[in-house]
Protein backbone atom coordinates (compact mmCIF):
# COMPACT_ATOMS: atom_id res chain seq x y z
CA MET A 1 84.22 100.56 190.82
CA VAL A 2 83.16 96.99 191.64
CA VAL A 3 81.27 96.44 188.39
CA GLY A 4 84.20 97.69 186.32
CA ALA A 5 86.58 95.44 188.23
CA LEU A 6 84.26 92.47 187.64
CA ALA A 7 84.17 93.17 183.88
CA LEU A 8 87.96 93.24 183.79
CA GLY A 9 88.06 90.13 185.97
CA VAL A 10 86.05 88.28 183.34
CA ALA A 11 88.46 89.45 180.63
CA ILE A 12 91.47 88.46 182.75
CA ALA A 13 90.04 85.01 183.51
CA SER A 14 89.25 84.29 179.85
CA SER A 15 92.57 85.49 178.45
CA GLY A 16 94.35 83.80 181.36
CA MET A 17 92.81 80.46 180.36
CA LEU A 18 94.23 80.88 176.85
CA VAL A 19 97.65 81.64 178.31
CA TYR A 20 97.33 78.58 180.55
CA GLN A 21 96.58 76.41 177.52
CA HIS A 22 99.54 77.88 175.64
CA PHE A 23 102.01 76.89 178.36
CA THR A 24 100.52 73.56 179.47
CA GLY A 25 99.09 72.19 176.24
CA ILE A 26 95.95 71.12 178.12
CA SER A 27 92.95 71.74 175.87
CA LEU A 28 90.25 73.96 177.30
CA PRO A 29 86.57 73.06 176.81
CA GLY A 30 85.72 73.80 173.19
CA CYS A 31 89.35 74.64 172.48
CA GLY A 32 90.76 71.29 171.46
CA PRO A 33 92.50 70.36 168.20
CA GLY A 34 90.57 71.55 165.16
CA SER A 35 88.26 73.81 167.18
CA PRO A 36 87.63 77.47 166.22
CA CYS A 37 89.69 78.38 169.29
CA ALA A 38 92.69 76.40 168.02
CA GLN A 39 92.20 77.84 164.54
CA ALA A 40 92.13 81.37 165.96
CA ALA A 41 95.37 80.77 167.88
CA ALA A 42 97.03 79.42 164.73
CA SER A 43 95.71 82.20 162.50
CA LEU A 44 97.35 85.47 161.50
CA TRP A 45 95.50 87.15 164.39
CA GLY A 46 96.73 84.68 167.01
CA LYS A 47 100.12 86.39 167.23
CA VAL A 48 101.33 89.98 167.32
CA PRO A 49 102.66 90.82 163.84
CA GLY A 50 106.42 91.20 163.64
CA VAL A 51 107.28 89.76 167.05
CA GLY A 52 105.28 86.54 167.13
CA TRP A 53 104.01 86.93 170.69
CA PRO A 54 100.65 85.24 171.33
CA THR A 55 97.83 87.81 171.29
CA SER A 56 96.56 86.31 174.53
CA PHE A 57 99.77 87.51 176.27
CA VAL A 58 99.17 91.11 175.25
CA GLY A 59 95.49 90.85 176.17
CA LEU A 60 96.16 89.47 179.64
CA ALA A 61 98.84 92.08 180.39
CA TYR A 62 96.57 94.89 179.14
CA PHE A 63 93.58 93.75 181.18
CA VAL A 64 95.68 93.40 184.36
CA GLY A 65 97.15 96.85 183.76
CA ALA A 66 93.68 98.32 183.25
CA LEU A 67 92.48 96.71 186.48
CA ALA A 68 95.44 98.10 188.42
CA ALA A 69 94.76 101.62 187.09
CA TRP A 70 91.02 101.30 187.81
CA LEU A 71 91.62 100.19 191.39
CA ALA A 72 94.28 102.85 191.95
CA GLY A 73 91.79 105.50 190.86
CA ARG A 74 88.95 103.91 192.86
CA GLY A 75 86.80 103.59 189.80
CA ARG A 76 87.93 106.77 188.01
CA LEU A 77 90.46 107.33 185.22
CA PRO A 78 92.12 110.52 183.92
CA ALA A 79 91.51 111.64 180.35
CA ALA A 80 94.70 110.07 178.95
CA LEU A 81 93.80 106.63 180.29
CA ILE A 82 90.22 106.99 179.08
CA TRP A 83 91.57 107.43 175.56
CA ILE A 84 93.77 104.36 176.00
CA ALA A 85 90.70 102.44 177.15
CA ARG A 86 88.84 103.62 174.04
CA LEU A 87 91.67 102.41 171.84
CA GLY A 88 91.45 99.07 173.66
CA ALA A 89 87.74 99.00 172.87
CA LEU A 90 88.47 99.59 169.19
CA ALA A 91 90.91 96.69 169.29
CA SER A 92 88.20 94.49 170.84
CA VAL A 93 85.71 95.52 168.13
CA PHE A 94 88.32 94.71 165.49
CA PHE A 95 88.98 91.23 166.89
CA LEU A 96 85.27 90.51 167.24
CA SER A 97 84.76 91.57 163.62
CA VAL A 98 87.58 89.28 162.48
CA SER A 99 85.96 86.43 164.43
CA VAL A 100 82.70 86.94 162.56
CA VAL A 101 84.23 87.42 159.11
CA GLU A 102 86.63 84.46 159.38
CA ARG A 103 84.28 82.35 161.52
CA LEU A 104 86.83 81.96 164.31
CA PHE A 105 84.38 81.74 167.18
CA CYS A 106 86.75 81.20 170.09
CA LEU A 107 84.61 81.35 173.25
CA TYR A 108 87.44 82.60 175.47
CA CYS A 109 88.41 85.31 172.97
CA LEU A 110 84.80 86.45 172.66
CA VAL A 111 84.30 86.59 176.44
CA ALA A 112 87.59 88.47 176.96
CA GLN A 113 86.75 91.09 174.33
CA SER A 114 83.18 91.41 175.61
CA GLY A 115 84.48 91.94 179.15
CA ASN A 116 86.77 94.69 177.88
CA LEU A 117 83.91 96.42 176.01
CA ALA A 118 81.76 96.24 179.14
CA PHE A 119 84.57 97.84 181.13
CA VAL A 120 84.92 100.71 178.64
CA GLY A 121 81.18 101.29 178.81
CA ILE A 122 81.44 101.57 182.60
CA VAL A 123 84.38 103.98 182.23
CA GLU A 124 82.27 106.23 179.99
CA LEU A 125 79.37 106.20 182.44
CA SER A 126 81.74 107.02 185.31
CA ARG A 127 83.21 109.94 183.35
CA LYS A 128 79.81 111.45 182.58
CA ARG A 129 78.59 111.15 186.15
CA GLY A 130 81.67 112.30 187.99
CA GLY A 131 83.37 114.93 185.83
CA PRO A 132 87.09 115.10 184.97
CA VAL A 133 89.71 113.32 187.03
CA THR A 134 93.26 114.56 187.56
CA ARG A 135 96.11 112.14 187.03
CA GLY A 136 97.21 110.38 190.17
CA TRP A 137 98.63 106.90 190.67
CA GLN A 138 96.45 105.37 187.97
CA PHE A 139 98.93 105.58 185.10
CA PRO A 140 102.03 104.35 187.03
CA ALA A 141 100.01 101.54 188.58
CA GLY A 142 98.58 100.43 185.24
CA LEU A 143 101.91 100.66 183.43
CA ALA A 144 103.76 98.78 186.17
CA ALA A 145 101.18 95.98 186.15
CA PHE A 146 101.22 95.78 182.34
CA LEU A 147 105.01 95.60 182.19
CA ALA A 148 105.26 93.13 185.08
CA VAL A 149 102.73 90.66 183.64
CA GLY A 150 103.97 91.09 180.09
CA GLY A 151 107.57 90.66 181.17
CA LEU A 152 106.83 87.50 183.12
CA LEU A 153 104.89 85.97 180.24
CA LEU A 154 107.52 86.82 177.66
CA SER A 155 110.31 85.55 179.91
CA ALA A 156 108.50 82.26 180.46
CA ASN A 157 107.73 81.97 176.76
CA THR A 158 111.35 82.70 175.80
CA GLN A 159 112.60 80.08 178.21
CA ALA A 160 110.14 77.49 176.88
CA THR A 161 111.08 78.37 173.29
CA GLN A 162 114.79 78.05 174.03
CA GLN A 163 114.28 74.69 175.71
CA ALA A 164 112.23 73.42 172.77
CA ALA A 165 114.86 74.69 170.31
CA ALA A 166 117.67 72.99 172.24
CA LYS A 167 115.72 69.73 172.33
CA ALA A 168 115.07 69.94 168.57
CA GLU A 169 118.78 70.50 167.87
CA ARG A 170 119.72 67.48 170.01
CA SER A 171 117.17 65.32 168.22
CA LEU A 172 118.35 66.51 164.81
CA ALA A 173 121.96 65.73 165.74
CA GLU A 174 120.90 62.20 166.76
CA THR A 175 119.11 61.75 163.43
CA THR A 176 122.06 62.89 161.31
CA SER A 177 124.40 60.67 163.34
CA GLN A 178 122.12 57.68 162.74
CA LEU A 179 121.84 58.48 159.03
CA THR A 180 125.55 58.75 158.44
CA SER A 181 126.41 55.64 160.47
CA GLN A 182 123.80 53.22 159.12
CA PRO A 183 124.97 50.40 156.82
CA ALA A 184 124.90 51.10 153.09
CA ALA A 185 121.72 49.97 151.36
CA ALA A 186 121.77 47.62 148.40
CA THR A 187 122.42 49.35 145.09
CA SER A 188 121.45 48.61 141.51
CA ASP A 189 120.50 44.99 142.15
CA ALA A 190 117.90 46.02 144.74
CA PRO A 191 114.26 45.26 143.96
CA PRO A 192 111.78 48.15 143.68
CA ALA A 193 110.77 49.78 146.95
CA GLN A 194 107.78 48.21 148.62
CA GLY A 195 106.08 48.05 152.00
CA VAL A 196 104.96 50.83 154.28
CA LEU A 197 107.27 53.45 152.75
CA ALA A 198 106.53 52.65 149.12
CA GLY A 199 104.55 55.43 147.48
CA ARG A 200 102.63 55.70 144.24
CA TYR A 201 104.40 58.75 142.86
CA ARG A 202 108.05 59.69 143.04
CA LEU A 203 109.93 62.90 142.35
CA GLY A 204 113.46 61.96 141.37
CA PRO A 205 115.17 58.80 140.08
CA GLU A 206 114.25 55.32 141.23
CA LEU A 207 117.88 54.72 142.21
CA SER A 208 118.86 57.49 144.60
CA PRO A 209 121.35 57.83 147.46
CA ILE A 210 118.87 59.85 149.51
CA ARG A 211 115.23 58.77 149.67
CA ILE A 212 112.70 60.99 151.42
CA VAL A 213 109.20 59.88 152.35
CA MET A 214 106.92 62.50 153.89
CA PHE A 215 103.55 61.76 155.48
CA THR A 216 101.75 65.05 155.14
CA ASP A 217 98.52 67.03 155.32
CA TYR A 218 97.92 69.80 152.79
CA GLN A 219 96.32 72.04 155.43
CA CYS A 220 99.10 71.55 157.99
CA PRO A 221 101.16 74.79 158.38
CA ASP A 222 104.26 72.91 159.54
CA CYS A 223 103.95 70.56 156.56
CA LYS A 224 104.02 73.59 154.29
CA LEU A 225 107.26 74.77 155.92
CA LEU A 226 108.87 71.37 155.38
CA GLU A 227 107.51 71.30 151.84
CA ALA A 228 109.36 74.55 151.15
CA GLN A 229 112.60 73.00 152.42
CA LEU A 230 111.97 69.92 150.31
CA PHE A 231 111.67 71.91 147.10
CA ARG A 232 114.72 73.99 147.96
CA LEU A 233 116.61 70.71 147.79
CA VAL A 234 114.89 69.85 144.51
CA ASP A 235 115.81 73.25 143.06
CA GLU A 236 119.41 72.74 144.21
CA LYS A 237 119.36 69.43 142.32
CA ALA A 238 120.25 67.49 145.45
CA PRO A 239 120.48 63.72 144.77
CA ILE A 240 117.11 62.91 146.32
CA ALA A 241 114.01 60.89 145.49
CA VAL A 242 110.81 62.10 147.15
CA THR A 243 107.60 60.23 147.91
CA ILE A 244 104.48 61.76 149.44
CA ARG A 245 102.05 59.82 151.63
CA HIS A 246 98.81 61.18 153.08
CA PHE A 247 97.79 61.57 156.72
CA PRO A 248 95.02 64.21 156.67
CA PHE A 249 93.85 65.46 160.05
CA SER A 250 90.18 65.19 159.25
CA SER A 251 87.79 62.58 160.59
CA ASP A 252 86.09 62.54 157.17
CA CYS A 253 88.62 59.93 156.05
CA ASN A 254 91.00 59.47 158.99
CA PRO A 255 89.54 57.69 162.04
CA HIS A 256 92.76 58.46 163.94
CA SER A 257 92.38 62.22 163.59
CA PRO A 258 91.38 64.11 166.76
CA GLY A 259 88.32 65.64 165.14
CA GLN A 260 88.21 68.06 162.23
CA MET A 261 91.51 69.80 162.69
CA HIS A 262 91.73 70.45 158.94
CA ALA A 263 88.27 70.27 157.45
CA ASN A 264 89.32 70.15 153.79
CA ALA A 265 92.39 67.93 154.22
CA CYS A 266 90.75 64.72 153.03
CA TRP A 267 89.43 66.37 149.88
CA ALA A 268 92.83 67.92 149.21
CA SER A 269 94.51 64.50 149.46
CA ARG A 270 91.87 63.00 147.18
CA ALA A 271 92.39 65.81 144.67
CA ALA A 272 96.09 64.97 144.51
CA GLU A 273 95.30 61.29 144.01
CA ALA A 274 92.73 62.11 141.33
CA ALA A 275 95.38 64.11 139.45
CA GLY A 276 97.69 61.10 139.59
CA LEU A 277 95.00 58.73 138.37
CA ILE A 278 94.17 60.99 135.46
CA GLY A 279 97.57 62.30 134.42
CA GLY A 280 100.17 60.11 136.09
CA ASN A 281 103.26 61.10 138.06
CA ASP A 282 103.77 64.60 136.65
CA ALA A 283 100.09 65.50 137.14
CA PHE A 284 100.23 64.38 140.77
CA TRP A 285 103.15 66.68 141.50
CA ARG A 286 101.53 69.63 139.72
CA MET A 287 98.42 69.24 141.86
CA HIS A 288 100.58 68.63 144.94
CA ARG A 289 102.33 72.00 144.49
CA TRP A 290 99.03 73.76 143.70
CA LEU A 291 97.45 72.43 146.91
CA PHE A 292 100.31 73.52 149.15
CA GLU A 293 100.37 76.97 147.56
CA ARG A 294 96.87 77.59 148.92
CA GLY A 295 97.23 75.68 152.19
CA GLY A 296 94.98 72.84 151.06
CA SER A 297 91.89 75.06 151.03
CA PHE A 298 89.78 75.68 147.94
CA THR A 299 86.23 76.34 146.87
CA ASP A 300 84.55 74.34 144.11
CA GLU A 301 85.13 77.20 141.70
CA GLN A 302 88.81 77.53 142.65
CA LEU A 303 89.30 73.79 142.17
CA ARG A 304 87.71 73.89 138.71
CA GLU A 305 89.94 76.80 137.71
CA GLY A 306 92.96 74.91 139.04
CA ILE A 307 92.06 71.76 137.11
CA VAL A 308 91.99 73.74 133.86
CA THR A 309 95.17 75.69 134.66
CA LEU A 310 97.06 72.50 135.53
CA GLY A 311 95.94 70.79 132.33
CA LEU A 312 94.01 68.02 134.09
CA GLY A 313 91.14 67.79 131.66
CA GLU A 314 87.49 68.66 132.02
CA PRO A 315 86.61 69.68 135.62
CA ARG A 316 83.45 67.59 135.84
CA ALA A 317 85.32 64.43 134.84
CA PHE A 318 88.07 65.23 137.36
CA GLU A 319 85.55 65.69 140.15
CA GLN A 320 83.97 62.34 139.36
CA VAL A 321 87.35 60.66 139.81
CA MET A 322 88.12 62.68 142.95
CA THR A 323 84.84 61.74 144.63
CA GLY A 324 85.07 58.12 143.51
CA PRO A 325 86.04 55.17 145.70
CA GLU A 326 89.62 54.77 144.38
CA THR A 327 90.93 58.09 145.72
CA LEU A 328 89.42 57.40 149.14
CA ALA A 329 90.90 53.89 149.16
CA ARG A 330 94.36 55.27 148.36
CA VAL A 331 94.23 57.88 151.12
CA LYS A 332 93.00 55.31 153.62
CA ALA A 333 95.82 52.95 152.61
CA ASP A 334 98.35 55.68 153.42
CA ILE A 335 96.67 56.29 156.77
CA ALA A 336 96.80 52.57 157.57
CA ASP A 337 100.53 52.46 156.79
CA ALA A 338 101.07 55.53 158.96
CA VAL A 339 99.32 53.85 161.88
CA ARG A 340 101.47 50.74 161.40
CA LEU A 341 104.49 53.00 161.80
CA GLY A 342 103.16 54.70 164.93
CA ILE A 343 102.61 58.02 163.16
CA TYR A 344 100.11 60.28 164.88
CA ASN A 345 101.10 63.76 163.72
CA THR A 346 102.34 65.57 160.64
CA PRO A 347 104.73 66.31 159.10
CA PHE A 348 106.44 62.97 159.59
CA ILE A 349 109.53 62.43 157.46
CA PHE A 350 111.76 59.46 156.80
CA ILE A 351 115.20 59.82 155.21
CA ASN A 352 116.54 56.47 154.01
CA GLY A 353 114.11 54.82 156.42
CA VAL A 354 115.22 56.89 159.44
CA GLU A 355 112.72 59.18 161.16
CA LEU A 356 113.72 62.84 160.93
CA ARG A 357 113.63 63.87 164.56
CA GLY A 358 114.06 67.50 165.50
CA TRP A 359 112.35 68.71 162.32
CA THR A 360 111.30 71.91 164.11
CA ALA A 361 114.94 73.09 164.16
CA PRO A 362 115.67 75.76 161.52
CA ASP A 363 116.19 74.17 158.06
CA ALA A 364 116.25 70.74 159.69
CA LEU A 365 115.45 68.79 156.51
CA VAL A 366 117.95 70.73 154.40
CA ARG A 367 120.69 70.35 157.00
CA ALA A 368 120.07 66.62 157.45
CA VAL A 369 120.20 65.98 153.71
CA ARG A 370 123.35 68.03 153.22
CA THR A 371 125.08 66.19 156.07
CA LEU A 372 124.08 62.86 154.56
CA MET A 373 125.33 63.96 151.12
CA GLU A 374 128.78 64.49 152.61
CA SER A 375 128.93 60.81 153.61
CA LEU A 376 128.41 59.77 149.95
CA PRO A 377 125.77 57.06 150.46
CA PRO A 378 125.37 54.69 147.49
CA PRO A 379 122.19 54.86 145.39
CA SER A 380 119.38 52.44 146.17
CA THR A 381 115.71 51.87 145.41
CA GLY A 382 114.82 52.05 149.07
CA SER A 383 113.97 48.37 149.32
CA ALA A 384 116.04 48.21 152.52
CA ASP A 385 114.43 51.29 154.07
CA THR A 386 112.53 49.56 156.86
CA PRO A 387 111.67 51.81 159.79
CA PRO A 388 110.44 50.20 163.01
CA GLU A 389 106.73 49.56 163.26
CA ALA A 390 104.45 51.21 165.80
CA ALA A 391 105.12 49.17 168.94
CA GLU A 392 108.90 49.30 168.54
CA LYS A 393 108.77 53.01 167.73
CA LEU A 394 106.71 53.82 170.83
CA VAL A 395 109.15 51.95 173.04
CA GLU A 396 111.98 53.92 171.43
CA ASP A 397 110.07 57.19 172.00
CA TRP A 398 109.88 56.26 175.69
CA ARG A 399 113.64 55.53 175.81
CA ARG A 400 114.44 58.96 174.40
CA ASN A 401 112.52 60.89 177.04
CA PRO A 402 114.38 62.43 179.99
CA VAL A 403 114.10 60.99 183.48
CA VAL A 404 112.00 63.09 185.86
CA SER A 405 111.74 62.86 189.64
CA PHE A 406 108.61 62.92 191.77
CA ALA A 407 107.91 64.51 195.14
CA PRO A 408 107.58 61.84 197.87
CA GLU A 409 104.00 62.88 198.66
CA LEU A 410 102.95 61.85 195.13
CA LEU A 411 104.24 58.33 195.74
CA ARG A 412 102.16 57.66 198.85
CA HIS A 413 100.21 54.78 197.29
CA ALA A 414 102.56 51.95 196.27
CA LYS A 415 102.00 48.35 195.23
CA GLY A 416 104.69 45.81 194.45
CA PRO A 417 108.13 44.88 195.84
CA ASP A 418 110.45 47.69 196.91
CA ASP A 419 113.36 46.06 195.04
CA SER A 420 111.49 45.90 191.73
CA PRO A 421 113.64 46.81 188.73
CA VAL A 422 110.77 48.84 187.26
CA THR A 423 108.83 51.67 188.84
CA ILE A 424 105.65 52.95 187.23
CA VAL A 425 103.86 56.15 188.19
CA MET A 426 100.45 56.62 186.61
CA PHE A 427 98.21 59.69 186.84
CA GLY A 428 94.66 58.57 186.22
CA ASP A 429 90.94 58.91 186.78
CA TYR A 430 88.88 56.06 188.22
CA ALA A 431 86.02 56.92 185.86
CA GLU A 432 88.13 56.88 182.69
CA LYS A 433 88.19 53.60 180.75
CA PHE A 434 91.77 53.85 179.43
CA THR A 435 93.02 54.40 182.98
CA GLY A 436 91.30 51.14 183.88
CA GLN A 437 92.83 49.29 180.93
CA ALA A 438 96.36 50.47 181.67
CA ASP A 439 95.96 49.78 185.39
CA ALA A 440 94.86 46.18 184.77
CA VAL A 441 98.04 45.44 182.82
CA ILE A 442 100.39 47.22 185.23
CA ARG A 443 99.01 45.41 188.27
CA LEU A 444 99.75 42.05 186.61
CA PHE A 445 103.44 42.88 187.05
CA THR A 446 103.31 43.84 190.72
CA GLN A 447 103.80 40.19 191.61
CA GLY A 448 104.95 36.97 189.99
CA SER A 449 108.18 35.53 188.61
CA GLY A 450 108.72 38.00 185.75
CA PRO A 451 110.07 41.51 186.04
CA THR A 452 108.13 42.98 188.93
CA VAL A 453 106.88 46.54 189.08
CA LYS A 454 106.53 48.94 191.96
CA TYR A 455 103.37 50.78 191.00
CA HIS A 456 102.28 54.21 192.23
CA PHE A 457 98.80 55.45 191.38
CA VAL A 458 98.35 59.23 191.44
CA HIS A 459 95.00 61.01 191.12
CA PHE A 460 93.90 63.16 188.22
CA PRO A 461 90.08 63.13 188.28
CA VAL A 462 88.71 65.17 185.39
CA ASP A 463 86.20 66.80 187.70
CA GLN A 464 86.39 70.44 188.73
CA ALA A 465 84.86 69.62 192.13
CA CYS A 466 88.34 68.68 193.41
CA ASN A 467 90.71 69.23 190.50
CA PRO A 468 91.79 72.90 190.43
CA ILE A 469 93.31 72.67 186.96
CA ALA A 470 90.69 70.55 185.17
CA PRO A 471 89.62 72.52 182.09
CA ARG A 472 86.18 70.91 182.31
CA THR A 473 84.26 68.19 184.15
CA MET A 474 84.15 65.03 182.05
CA HIS A 475 83.29 62.62 184.87
CA PRO A 476 80.95 64.23 187.42
CA ASP A 477 81.61 61.64 190.12
CA ALA A 478 85.38 61.31 189.57
CA CYS A 479 86.16 63.30 192.72
CA ALA A 480 83.88 61.09 194.81
CA ARG A 481 85.76 58.04 193.55
CA ALA A 482 89.18 59.53 194.30
CA GLN A 483 87.97 60.58 197.75
CA ALA A 484 86.72 57.05 198.41
CA ALA A 485 90.22 55.72 197.71
CA GLU A 486 91.80 58.37 199.97
CA ALA A 487 89.26 57.70 202.74
CA ALA A 488 89.98 53.96 202.54
CA ALA A 489 93.71 54.72 202.83
CA MET A 490 93.11 57.04 205.79
CA VAL A 491 91.22 54.38 207.74
CA GLY A 492 92.63 51.15 206.37
CA GLY A 493 96.18 52.05 205.35
CA PRO A 494 97.78 50.71 202.15
CA ASP A 495 95.65 47.55 202.17
CA GLY A 496 92.53 49.66 202.45
CA PHE A 497 93.59 51.90 199.58
CA TRP A 498 94.35 49.04 197.18
CA ALA A 499 91.19 47.18 198.09
CA MET A 500 89.16 50.30 197.25
CA HIS A 501 91.33 50.89 194.17
CA ASP A 502 90.46 47.41 192.93
CA TYR A 503 86.75 48.02 193.53
CA LEU A 504 86.83 51.37 191.71
CA MET A 505 88.69 50.00 188.70
CA SER A 506 86.39 46.99 188.52
CA ASN A 507 83.22 49.11 188.73
CA GLN A 508 83.98 52.04 186.44
CA THR A 509 80.48 52.08 184.97
CA THR A 510 78.55 51.09 188.12
CA PHE A 511 80.11 53.16 190.92
CA THR A 512 77.86 54.35 193.74
CA PRO A 513 78.71 55.78 197.19
CA ASP A 514 76.85 52.88 198.77
CA GLY A 515 78.87 50.44 196.71
CA ALA A 516 82.09 52.09 197.89
CA ARG A 517 80.92 51.75 201.50
CA VAL A 518 80.20 48.05 201.01
CA ALA A 519 83.61 47.60 199.38
CA ALA A 520 85.25 49.32 202.35
CA MET A 521 83.46 47.00 204.75
CA GLY A 522 84.58 44.02 202.66
CA ALA A 523 88.16 45.20 203.16
CA GLY A 524 87.68 45.21 206.94
CA ILE A 525 87.13 48.96 207.24
CA ASP A 526 84.55 50.18 209.74
CA ALA A 527 81.65 51.77 207.83
CA ALA A 528 81.20 54.65 210.29
CA GLN A 529 84.91 55.50 210.18
CA PHE A 530 84.85 55.37 206.39
CA ASP A 531 81.83 57.71 206.24
CA ASP A 532 83.51 60.08 208.67
CA ALA A 533 86.69 60.12 206.57
CA MET A 534 84.67 60.78 203.41
CA SER A 535 83.10 63.84 205.04
CA GLN A 536 86.42 65.48 205.92
CA PRO A 537 87.03 68.59 203.73
CA PHE A 538 90.81 68.15 203.84
CA LEU A 539 90.46 64.86 201.95
CA LYS A 540 90.48 66.88 198.72
CA ASP A 541 93.87 68.45 199.49
CA PRO A 542 96.14 65.54 198.43
CA ILE A 543 94.00 65.01 195.32
CA ALA A 544 94.37 68.67 194.35
CA ASN A 545 98.13 68.48 194.97
CA ASP A 546 98.34 65.43 192.69
CA CYS A 547 96.57 67.36 189.95
CA ARG A 548 98.86 70.38 190.26
CA ALA A 549 101.89 68.11 190.02
CA ALA A 550 100.47 66.53 186.87
CA SER A 551 100.06 69.96 185.33
CA GLY A 552 103.67 70.79 186.15
CA LEU A 553 104.75 67.62 184.35
CA GLY A 554 102.91 68.70 181.21
CA LEU A 555 99.89 66.42 181.40
CA THR A 556 97.76 66.69 178.27
CA SER A 557 95.73 63.48 178.51
CA ILE A 558 95.10 60.60 180.86
CA PRO A 559 96.35 58.18 181.80
CA MET A 560 99.78 59.78 182.01
CA ILE A 561 102.35 57.04 182.59
CA PHE A 562 106.00 57.20 183.64
CA VAL A 563 108.16 54.09 183.53
CA ASN A 564 111.41 54.38 185.49
CA GLY A 565 110.93 58.13 185.44
CA ARG A 566 110.49 58.43 181.67
CA HIS A 567 107.19 59.54 180.21
CA LEU A 568 105.47 56.95 178.00
CA PRO A 569 103.57 59.28 175.62
CA ARG A 570 101.56 56.54 173.94
CA TRP A 571 100.97 53.06 175.28
CA GLN A 572 98.77 51.60 172.55
CA ALA A 573 99.95 50.58 169.09
CA GLY A 574 96.81 49.69 167.20
CA ASN A 575 95.23 46.91 169.23
CA GLU A 576 98.36 46.13 171.22
CA ASN A 577 98.96 47.41 174.73
CA ILE A 578 102.72 48.05 174.72
CA ILE A 579 103.11 48.48 178.48
CA PRO A 580 104.49 44.92 178.83
CA ARG A 581 107.11 45.65 176.15
CA VAL A 582 108.19 48.80 177.98
CA ILE A 583 108.34 46.97 181.31
CA TYR A 584 110.66 44.33 179.84
CA ALA A 585 112.78 47.04 178.20
CA ALA A 586 113.01 48.96 181.48
CA ALA A 587 113.91 45.78 183.37
CA GLU A 588 116.69 45.01 180.90
CA GLU A 589 118.06 48.53 181.36
CA SER A 590 118.11 47.83 185.09
CA ALA A 591 120.30 44.77 184.44
CA PHE A 592 117.35 42.48 185.05
CA VAL A 593 117.78 40.32 181.94
CA LEU A 594 114.77 38.20 181.03
CA PRO A 595 113.42 36.35 178.01
CA PRO A 596 110.78 38.22 176.00
CA PRO A 597 107.20 37.95 177.26
CA SER A 598 105.13 35.02 176.04
CA GLN A 599 102.22 35.74 173.77
CA THR A 600 100.06 33.53 175.96
CA ASP A 601 101.01 34.62 179.46
CA GLY A 602 98.26 37.23 179.77
CA THR A 603 100.63 40.19 179.86
CA ASN A 604 99.88 41.38 176.35
CA ALA A 605 96.20 42.01 176.91
CA SER A 606 94.95 44.53 174.38
CA PRO A 607 92.53 47.32 175.23
CA LYS A 608 89.10 46.96 173.73
């Protein structure tokens, strides 16, 4: 019985990790963006056909149900449940086969299916050794567990989906309101469009009342959905002009991509640009449609066939242009413009220079355009379509986020005046360099004549030794560092904590336990008392509680920063640290009106 339960425990743990990632967004080891794990989750096999439930939900509920039946029967199952287990084994074999054929080697999926196969093998051995088993509580126990777990997961998923849908609708309503209320752009006397939204190829007239610019990736599934909406508008002969810009999620050409999310995306973008170079505007759009039809993926042979079918000349000559420096330069120019605008995901759409927020709402692009058409905007070249650049956009993203509250125990470490107009809560790791960079800027504002900040540092060491939700250990001594800060606070109070905090942030690459002890002594803390505090097992408890709270707030990366209760999703715009901008904006919202920060006052230090 024990061995079978262990096999199912492995399957439950592995599928449970996938469920955890689904709800929290925290990437598991080997399961980040572009990984085989992420590709498997996004594939046809990642969801139950017809209902769209994640396969991991069904797997977890099934494995828990099987464990409940196994325990209820004390290691024995009746014939009906044995056949259900065999069907489960066939399902595992099927998924493993799909993984091999489609090269979707998700570690957690493989371990879960292997655990299930091991369990079925144990069931067969138990049947042969012990003879038939009459039905008892096994089936009711298994069914009840399956329905309970499945019901909880589906309820939580439905609630999350409804919340996301409501947020998307609110954002879309804000976008359409902004579009219909913005001043009319210049008309026929306007110069040609230029700047960060100016593209090389346009679908539609140069003078148009509605101008759409989409930064896209040919392998991005959401981009394909928006592309379908876009061409519905084209087919309806809506008064639009469309420009496409590239932001492929592949590190082959995009240094801002989180790895190889879409391995062929750069080549797809370069194929579109090659078509434009060879055949002009019409050829670009023919290749553009061809690429989206096949999700941006193609073999060499498929590309050659497509070149001929699309009338783009001799394939070898096309490939020479596609692999040449000009196509790469054009794609990189689009990426650079995207970064200037603070774009970090796709699809990203501008309508008359306004970001289309809430694009995940059903038919969002179509609805926004139709609403704008009703306001009868005058035609323009788009010369006045000037969206905010990255720093301004990131500040606006912060403004739009809801205000959250924090449990008092999370705010136990505070620095700065109590009457400060700005409060910053940062979850960080003493061993992580970006935590150190953000901390250095924030602490500049905890004193002085400008807008002061009350700063709370909260632990999130990416180290499984004390962090119960860390998907992996990135910094093996991160827990020791966090414990040193807590020990200094235990013995030396707030002054002790911040003295140790300063030492830890200043010695991110040279930390040692002995160094921490010396730093504690320099802060007036008795070395023996500090060592005794460090040895206390309960010292990990507040750190673990901090980490759980971070997970509940949706932490996906560190540092995670909240300014006046609003999450600041990104705090770097290129080489600029925008925390000072957000502090001034938050102070102004708190009726603490100040002049803008000087470029030479040290508050705009950029991370290296």
